Amino acid sequence: MSQPRRRILRSSRPLVDDGPRQSKLLARRSRLEAEQRALGRWMSRLKRAFHAVEKQQQKVTRLERDIARLQQG
């Protein structure tokens, strides 16, 4: 055995059919788009609700301040 052993050259990635992987990727992307649309709808509802609560808090604060002023005067 005077000759060195041959190195077996292999690719870094195994040769696998990307068909199932590609279909999973497409399915996940479409699901992501659907979830992003749903999140957008929820965020708009949340903003509306937040501003409604903020208005109610301002009204309550104003009424409490008016009552406190009338009680002192």
PDB file of N, CA and C in Angstrom:
ATOM      1  N   MET A   1       0.823  -1.182   0.000  1.00  0.00           N
ATOM      2  CA  MET A   1       0.000   0.000   0.000  1.00  0.00           C
ATOM      3  C   MET A   1       0.869   1.248   0.000  1.00  0.00           C
ATOM      4  N   SER A   2       1.524   1.452  -1.073  1.00  0.00           N
ATOM      5  CA  SER A   2       2.371   2.613  -1.182  1.00  0.00           C
ATOM      6  C   SER A   2       1.589   3.848  -1.619  1.00  0.00           C
ATOM      7  N   GLN A   3       0.396   3.646  -2.166  1.00  0.00           N
ATOM      8  CA  GLN A   3      -0.411   4.781  -2.601  1.00  0.00           C
ATOM      9  C   GLN A   3      -1.301   5.260  -1.461  1.00  0.00           C
ATOM     10  N   PRO A   4      -1.486   6.576  -1.331  1.00  0.00           N
ATOM     11  CA  PRO A   4      -2.404   7.080  -0.301  1.00  0.00           C
ATOM     12  C   PRO A   4      -3.842   6.718  -0.640  1.00  0.00           C
ATOM     13  N   ARG A   5      -4.665   6.625   0.384  1.00  0.00           N
ATOM     14  CA  ARG A   5      -6.077   6.308   0.156  1.00  0.00           C
ATOM     15  C   ARG A   5      -6.754   7.461  -0.574  1.00  0.00           C
ATOM     16  N   ARG A   6      -7.682   7.112  -1.400  1.00  0.00           N
ATOM     17  CA  ARG A   6      -8.426   8.145  -2.120  1.00  0.00           C
ATOM     18  C   ARG A   6      -9.468   8.765  -1.203  1.00  0.00           C
ATOM     19  N   ARG A   7      -9.657  10.056  -1.353  1.00  0.00           N
ATOM     20  CA  ARG A   7     -10.716  10.734  -0.601  1.00  0.00           C
ATOM     21  C   ARG A   7     -12.009  10.651  -1.381  1.00  0.00           C
ATOM     22  N   ILE A   8     -13.053  10.342  -0.700  1.00  0.00           N
ATOM     23  CA  ILE A   8     -14.361  10.307  -1.343  1.00  0.00           C
ATOM     24  C   ILE A   8     -14.946  11.709  -1.261  1.00  0.00           C
ATOM     25  N   LEU A   9     -15.240  12.276  -2.402  1.00  0.00           N
ATOM     26  CA  LEU A   9     -15.801  13.629  -2.446  1.00  0.00           C
ATOM     27  C   LEU A   9     -17.318  13.543  -2.396  1.00  0.00           C
ATOM     28  N   ARG A  10     -17.867  14.145  -1.383  1.00  0.00           N
ATOM     29  CA  ARG A  10     -19.316  14.169  -1.233  1.00  0.00           C
ATOM     30  C   ARG A  10     -19.777  15.610  -1.175  1.00  0.00           C
ATOM     31  N   SER A  11     -20.958  15.852  -1.672  1.00  0.00           N
ATOM     32  CA  SER A  11     -21.491  17.210  -1.587  1.00  0.00           C
ATOM     33  C   SER A  11     -21.862  17.501  -0.146  1.00  0.00           C
ATOM     34  N   SER A  12     -21.887  18.790   0.188  1.00  0.00           N
ATOM     35  CA  SER A  12     -22.190  19.170   1.567  1.00  0.00           C
ATOM     36  C   SER A  12     -23.646  18.879   1.923  1.00  0.00           C
ATOM     37  N   ARG A  13     -24.539  18.950   0.926  1.00  0.00           N
ATOM     38  CA  ARG A  13     -25.956  18.649   1.150  1.00  0.00           C
ATOM     39  C   ARG A  13     -26.290  17.317   0.529  1.00  0.00           C
ATOM     40  N   PRO A  14     -27.005  16.497   1.221  1.00  0.00           N
ATOM     41  CA  PRO A  14     -27.398  15.228   0.600  1.00  0.00           C
ATOM     42  C   PRO A  14     -28.341  15.482  -0.562  1.00  0.00           C
ATOM     43  N   LEU A  15     -28.274  14.660  -1.553  1.00  0.00           N
ATOM     44  CA  LEU A  15     -29.131  14.813  -2.714  1.00  0.00           C
ATOM     45  C   LEU A  15     -30.511  14.252  -2.395  1.00  0.00           C
ATOM     46  N   VAL A  16     -31.421  15.165  -2.078  1.00  0.00           N
ATOM     47  CA  VAL A  16     -32.776  14.780  -1.694  1.00  0.00           C
ATOM     48  C   VAL A  16     -33.739  15.559  -2.579  1.00  0.00           C
ATOM     49  N   ASP A  17     -34.822  14.943  -2.915  1.00  0.00           N
ATOM     50  CA  ASP A  17     -35.847  15.609  -3.708  1.00  0.00           C
ATOM     51  C   ASP A  17     -36.458  16.731  -2.883  1.00  0.00           C
ATOM     52  N   ASP A  18     -36.456  17.948  -3.438  1.00  0.00           N
ATOM     53  CA  ASP A  18     -36.988  19.105  -2.711  1.00  0.00           C
ATOM     54  C   ASP A  18     -38.485  19.287  -2.915  1.00  0.00           C
ATOM     55  N   GLY A  19     -39.159  18.357  -3.531  1.00  0.00           N
ATOM     56  CA  GLY A  19     -40.589  18.482  -3.777  1.00  0.00           C
ATOM     57  C   GLY A  19     -41.397  18.663  -2.508  1.00  0.00           C
ATOM     58  N   PRO A  20     -41.295  17.752  -1.547  1.00  0.00           N
ATOM     59  CA  PRO A  20     -42.072  17.915  -0.308  1.00  0.00           C
ATOM     60  C   PRO A  20     -41.648  19.156   0.473  1.00  0.00           C
ATOM     61  N   ARG A  21     -40.369  19.433   0.459  1.00  0.00           N
ATOM     62  CA  ARG A  21     -39.878  20.612   1.187  1.00  0.00           C
ATOM     63  C   ARG A  21     -40.434  21.888   0.561  1.00  0.00           C
ATOM     64  N   GLN A  22     -40.441  21.937  -0.761  1.00  0.00           N
ATOM     65  CA  GLN A  22     -40.959  23.107  -1.455  1.00  0.00           C
ATOM     66  C   GLN A  22     -42.450  23.282  -1.192  1.00  0.00           C
ATOM     67  N   SER A  23     -43.197  22.190  -1.191  1.00  0.00           N
ATOM     68  CA  SER A  23     -44.638  22.310  -0.940  1.00  0.00           C
ATOM     69  C   SER A  23     -44.907  22.759   0.487  1.00  0.00           C
ATOM     70  N   LYS A  24     -44.089  22.283   1.448  1.00  0.00           N
ATOM     71  CA  LYS A  24     -44.246  22.746   2.829  1.00  0.00           C
ATOM     72  C   LYS A  24     -43.944  24.232   2.937  1.00  0.00           C
ATOM     73  N   LEU A  25     -42.929  24.667   2.213  1.00  0.00           N
ATOM     74  CA  LEU A  25     -42.561  26.081   2.231  1.00  0.00           C
ATOM     75  C   LEU A  25     -43.699  26.938   1.690  1.00  0.00           C
ATOM     76  N   LEU A  26     -44.284  26.521   0.575  1.00  0.00           N
ATOM     77  CA  LEU A  26     -45.398  27.275  -0.001  1.00  0.00           C
ATOM     78  C   LEU A  26     -46.605  27.292   0.942  1.00  0.00           C
ATOM     79  N   ALA A  27     -46.868  26.155   1.578  1.00  0.00           N
ATOM     80  CA  ALA A  27     -47.999  26.091   2.517  1.00  0.00           C
ATOM     81  C   ALA A  27     -47.764  27.014   3.704  1.00  0.00           C
ATOM     82  N   ARG A  28     -46.546  27.034   4.207  1.00  0.00           N
ATOM     83  CA  ARG A  28     -46.235  27.904   5.353  1.00  0.00           C
ATOM     84  C   ARG A  28     -46.327  29.375   4.970  1.00  0.00           C
ATOM     85  N   ARG A  29     -45.895  29.702   3.752  1.00  0.00           N
ATOM     86  CA  ARG A  29     -45.986  31.099   3.316  1.00  0.00           C
ATOM     87  C   ARG A  29     -47.429  31.547   3.185  1.00  0.00           C
ATOM     88  N   SER A  30     -48.284  30.694   2.639  1.00  0.00           N
ATOM     89  CA  SER A  30     -49.693  31.074   2.510  1.00  0.00           C
ATOM     90  C   SER A  30     -50.344  31.179   3.886  1.00  0.00           C
ATOM     91  N   ARG A  31     -49.948  30.291   4.796  1.00  0.00           N
ATOM     92  CA  ARG A  31     -50.486  30.368   6.163  1.00  0.00           C
ATOM     93  C   ARG A  31     -50.012  31.639   6.857  1.00  0.00           C
ATOM     94  N   LEU A  32     -48.759  32.020   6.614  1.00  0.00           N
ATOM     95  CA  LEU A  32     -48.226  33.258   7.189  1.00  0.00           C
ATOM     96  C   LEU A  32     -49.015  34.460   6.702  1.00  0.00           C
ATOM     97  N   GLU A  33     -49.313  34.494   5.404  1.00  0.00           N
ATOM     98  CA  GLU A  33     -50.094  35.608   4.862  1.00  0.00           C
ATOM     99  C   GLU A  33     -51.477  35.673   5.508  1.00  0.00           C
ATOM    100  N   ALA A  34     -52.116  34.532   5.669  1.00  0.00           N
ATOM    101  CA  ALA A  34     -53.444  34.499   6.293  1.00  0.00           C
ATOM    102  C   ALA A  34     -53.375  34.974   7.740  1.00  0.00           C
ATOM    103  N   GLU A  35     -52.353  34.540   8.465  1.00  0.00           N
ATOM    104  CA  GLU A  35     -52.205  34.954   9.864  1.00  0.00           C
ATOM    105  C   GLU A  35     -51.895  36.445   9.967  1.00  0.00           C
ATOM    106  N   GLN A  36     -51.122  36.971   9.019  1.00  0.00           N
ATOM    107  CA  GLN A  36     -50.825  38.406   9.033  1.00  0.00           C
ATOM    108  C   GLN A  36     -52.084  39.225   8.780  1.00  0.00           C
ATOM    109  N   ARG A  37     -52.943  38.740   7.864  1.00  0.00           N
ATOM    110  CA  ARG A  37     -54.204  39.449   7.629  1.00  0.00           C
ATOM    111  C   ARG A  37     -55.083  39.415   8.880  1.00  0.00           C
ATOM    112  N   ALA A  38     -55.153  38.260   9.536  1.00  0.00           N
ATOM    113  CA  ALA A  38     -55.958  38.141  10.753  1.00  0.00           C
ATOM    114  C   ALA A  38     -55.413  39.059  11.847  1.00  0.00           C
ATOM    115  N   LEU A  39     -54.089  39.116  11.966  1.00  0.00           N
ATOM    116  CA  LEU A  39     -53.481  39.999  12.961  1.00  0.00           C
ATOM    117  C   LEU A  39     -53.809  41.458  12.663  1.00  0.00           C
ATOM    118  N   GLY A  40     -53.805  41.819  11.399  1.00  0.00           N
ATOM    119  CA  GLY A  40     -54.158  43.189  11.017  1.00  0.00           C
ATOM    120  C   GLY A  40     -55.579  43.533  11.431  1.00  0.00           C
ATOM    121  N   ARG A  41     -56.494  42.579  11.232  1.00  0.00           N
ATOM    122  CA  ARG A  41     -57.892  42.827  11.651  1.00  0.00           C
ATOM    123  C   ARG A  41     -57.974  42.993  13.160  1.00  0.00           C
ATOM    124  N   TRP A  42     -57.293  42.123  13.904  1.00  0.00           N
ATOM    125  CA  TRP A  42     -57.330  42.227  15.361  1.00  0.00           C
ATOM    126  C   TRP A  42     -56.687  43.522  15.842  1.00  0.00           C
ATOM    127  N   MET A  43     -55.627  43.945  15.189  1.00  0.00           N
ATOM    128  CA  MET A  43     -54.963  45.181  15.611  1.00  0.00           C
ATOM    129  C   MET A  43     -55.869  46.390  15.404  1.00  0.00           C
ATOM    130  N   SER A  44     -56.623  46.407  14.305  1.00  0.00           N
ATOM    131  CA  SER A  44     -57.531  47.542  14.093  1.00  0.00           C
ATOM    132  C   SER A  44     -58.637  47.529  15.144  1.00  0.00           C
ATOM    133  N   ARG A  45     -59.144  46.346  15.480  1.00  0.00           N
ATOM    134  CA  ARG A  45     -60.163  46.259  16.551  1.00  0.00           C
ATOM    135  C   ARG A  45     -59.582  46.712  17.875  1.00  0.00           C
ATOM    136  N   LEU A  46     -58.356  46.287  18.140  1.00  0.00           N
ATOM    137  CA  LEU A  46     -57.708  46.650  19.400  1.00  0.00           C
ATOM    138  C   LEU A  46     -57.507  48.156  19.497  1.00  0.00           C
ATOM    139  N   LYS A  47     -57.095  48.776  18.385  1.00  0.00           N
ATOM    140  CA  LYS A  47     -56.909  50.232  18.400  1.00  0.00           C
ATOM    141  C   LYS A  47     -58.221  50.950  18.686  1.00  0.00           C
ATOM    142  N   ARG A  48     -59.299  50.492  18.015  1.00  0.00           N
ATOM    143  CA  ARG A  48     -60.612  51.111  18.257  1.00  0.00           C
ATOM    144  C   ARG A  48     -61.019  50.963  19.711  1.00  0.00           C
ATOM    145  N   ALA A  49     -60.850  49.774  20.264  1.00  0.00           N
ATOM    146  CA  ALA A  49     -61.232  49.530  21.655  1.00  0.00           C
ATOM    147  C   ALA A  49     -60.368  50.364  22.601  1.00  0.00           C
ATOM    148  N   PHE A  50     -59.083  50.442  22.312  1.00  0.00           N
ATOM    149  CA  PHE A  50     -58.192  51.217  23.171  1.00  0.00           C
ATOM    150  C   PHE A  50     -58.603  52.679  23.205  1.00  0.00           C
ATOM    151  N   HIS A  51     -58.924  53.246  22.050  1.00  0.00           N
ATOM    152  CA  HIS A  51     -59.322  54.654  22.023  1.00  0.00           C
ATOM    153  C   HIS A  51     -60.680  54.864  22.690  1.00  0.00           C
ATOM    154  N   ALA A  52     -61.568  53.890  22.591  1.00  0.00           N
ATOM    155  CA  ALA A  52     -62.856  54.007  23.283  1.00  0.00           C
ATOM    156  C   ALA A  52     -62.645  54.006  24.794  1.00  0.00           C
ATOM    157  N   VAL A  53     -61.778  53.148  25.286  1.00  0.00           N
ATOM    158  CA  VAL A  53     -61.479  53.101  26.724  1.00  0.00           C
ATOM    159  C   VAL A  53     -60.816  54.399  27.156  1.00  0.00           C
ATOM    160  N   GLU A  54     -59.914  54.901  26.320  1.00  0.00           N
ATOM    161  CA  GLU A  54     -59.233  56.155  26.641  1.00  0.00           C
ATOM    162  C   GLU A  54     -60.232  57.301  26.777  1.00  0.00           C
ATOM    163  N   LYS A  55     -61.211  57.366  25.886  1.00  0.00           N
ATOM    164  CA  LYS A  55     -62.247  58.406  25.971  1.00  0.00           C
ATOM    165  C   LYS A  55     -63.054  58.274  27.262  1.00  0.00           C
ATOM    166  N   GLN A  56     -63.420  57.036  27.614  1.00  0.00           N
ATOM    167  CA  GLN A  56     -64.176  56.817  28.841  1.00  0.00           C
ATOM    168  C   GLN A  56     -63.372  57.256  30.065  1.00  0.00           C
ATOM    169  N   GLN A  57     -62.083  56.953  30.077  1.00  0.00           N
ATOM    170  CA  GLN A  57     -61.240  57.368  31.192  1.00  0.00           C
ATOM    171  C   GLN A  57     -61.189  58.883  31.299  1.00  0.00           C
ATOM    172  N   GLN A  58     -61.105  59.558  30.167  1.00  0.00           N
ATOM    173  CA  GLN A  58     -61.082  61.025  30.186  1.00  0.00           C
ATOM    174  C   GLN A  58     -62.394  61.588  30.722  1.00  0.00           C
ATOM    175  N   LYS A  59     -63.514  60.987  30.323  1.00  0.00           N
ATOM    176  CA  LYS A  59     -64.814  61.447  30.818  1.00  0.00           C
ATOM    177  C   LYS A  59     -64.924  61.257  32.325  1.00  0.00           C
ATOM    178  N   VAL A  60     -64.498  60.079  32.809  1.00  0.00           N
ATOM    179  CA  VAL A  60     -64.561  59.797  34.246  1.00  0.00           C
ATOM    180  C   VAL A  60     -63.671  60.762  35.015  1.00  0.00           C
ATOM    181  N   THR A  61     -62.473  60.994  34.513  1.00  0.00           N
ATOM    182  CA  THR A  61     -61.549  61.916  35.177  1.00  0.00           C
ATOM    183  C   THR A  61     -62.124  63.323  35.223  1.00  0.00           C
ATOM    184  N   ARG A  62     -62.719  63.757  34.116  1.00  0.00           N
ATOM    185  CA  ARG A  62     -63.318  65.096  34.072  1.00  0.00           C
ATOM    186  C   ARG A  62     -64.466  65.216  35.065  1.00  0.00           C
ATOM    187  N   LEU A  63     -65.341  64.196  35.129  1.00  0.00           N
ATOM    188  CA  LEU A  63     -66.465  64.229  36.071  1.00  0.00           C
ATOM    189  C   LEU A  63     -65.975  64.220  37.519  1.00  0.00           C
ATOM    190  N   GLU A  64     -64.950  63.388  37.815  1.00  0.00           N
ATOM    191  CA  GLU A  64     -64.408  63.364  39.178  1.00  0.00           C
ATOM    192  C   GLU A  64     -63.828  64.717  39.566  1.00  0.00           C
ATOM    193  N   ARG A  65     -63.140  65.363  38.618  1.00  0.00           N
ATOM    194  CA  ARG A  65     -62.563  66.682  38.892  1.00  0.00           C
ATOM    195  C   ARG A  65     -63.665  67.714  39.120  1.00  0.00           C
ATOM    196  N   ASP A  66     -64.723  67.660  38.293  1.00  0.00           N
ATOM    197  CA  ASP A  66     -65.843  68.603  38.470  1.00  0.00           C
ATOM    198  C   ASP A  66     -66.523  68.395  39.821  1.00  0.00           C
ATOM    199  N   ILE A  67     -66.742  67.152  40.208  1.00  0.00           N
ATOM    200  CA  ILE A  67     -67.397  66.855  41.499  1.00  0.00           C
ATOM    201  C   ILE A  67     -66.518  67.339  42.644  1.00  0.00           C
ATOM    202  N   ALA A  68     -65.223  67.104  42.560  1.00  0.00           N
ATOM    203  CA  ALA A  68     -64.306  67.546  43.633  1.00  0.00           C
ATOM    204  C   ALA A  68     -64.326  69.079  43.730  1.00  0.00           C
ATOM    205  N   ARG A  69     -64.346  69.771  42.610  1.00  0.00           N
ATOM    206  CA  ARG A  69     -64.369  71.236  42.628  1.00  0.00           C
ATOM    207  C   ARG A  69     -65.677  71.765  43.213  1.00  0.00           C
ATOM    208  N   LEU A  70     -66.806  71.108  42.866  1.00  0.00           N
ATOM    209  CA  LEU A  70     -68.097  71.560  43.392  1.00  0.00           C
ATOM    210  C   LEU A  70     -68.218  71.298  44.884  1.00  0.00           C
ATOM    211  N   GLN A  71     -67.614  70.211  45.364  1.00  0.00           N
ATOM    212  CA  GLN A  71     -67.672  69.914  46.791  1.00  0.00           C
ATOM    213  C   GLN A  71     -66.840  70.894  47.595  1.00  0.00           C
ATOM    214  N   GLN A  72     -65.759  71.377  47.044  1.00  0.00           N
ATOM    215  CA  GLN A  72     -64.900  72.323  47.776  1.00  0.00           C
ATOM    216  C   GLN A  72     -65.480  73.733  47.766  1.00  0.00           C
ATOM    217  N   GLY A  73     -66.200  74.085  46.727  1.00  0.00           N
ATOM    218  CA  GLY A  73     -66.644  75.460  46.586  1.00  0.00           C
ATOM    219  C   GLY A  73     -67.990  75.756  47.039  1.00  0.00           C
TER     220      GLY A  73
END
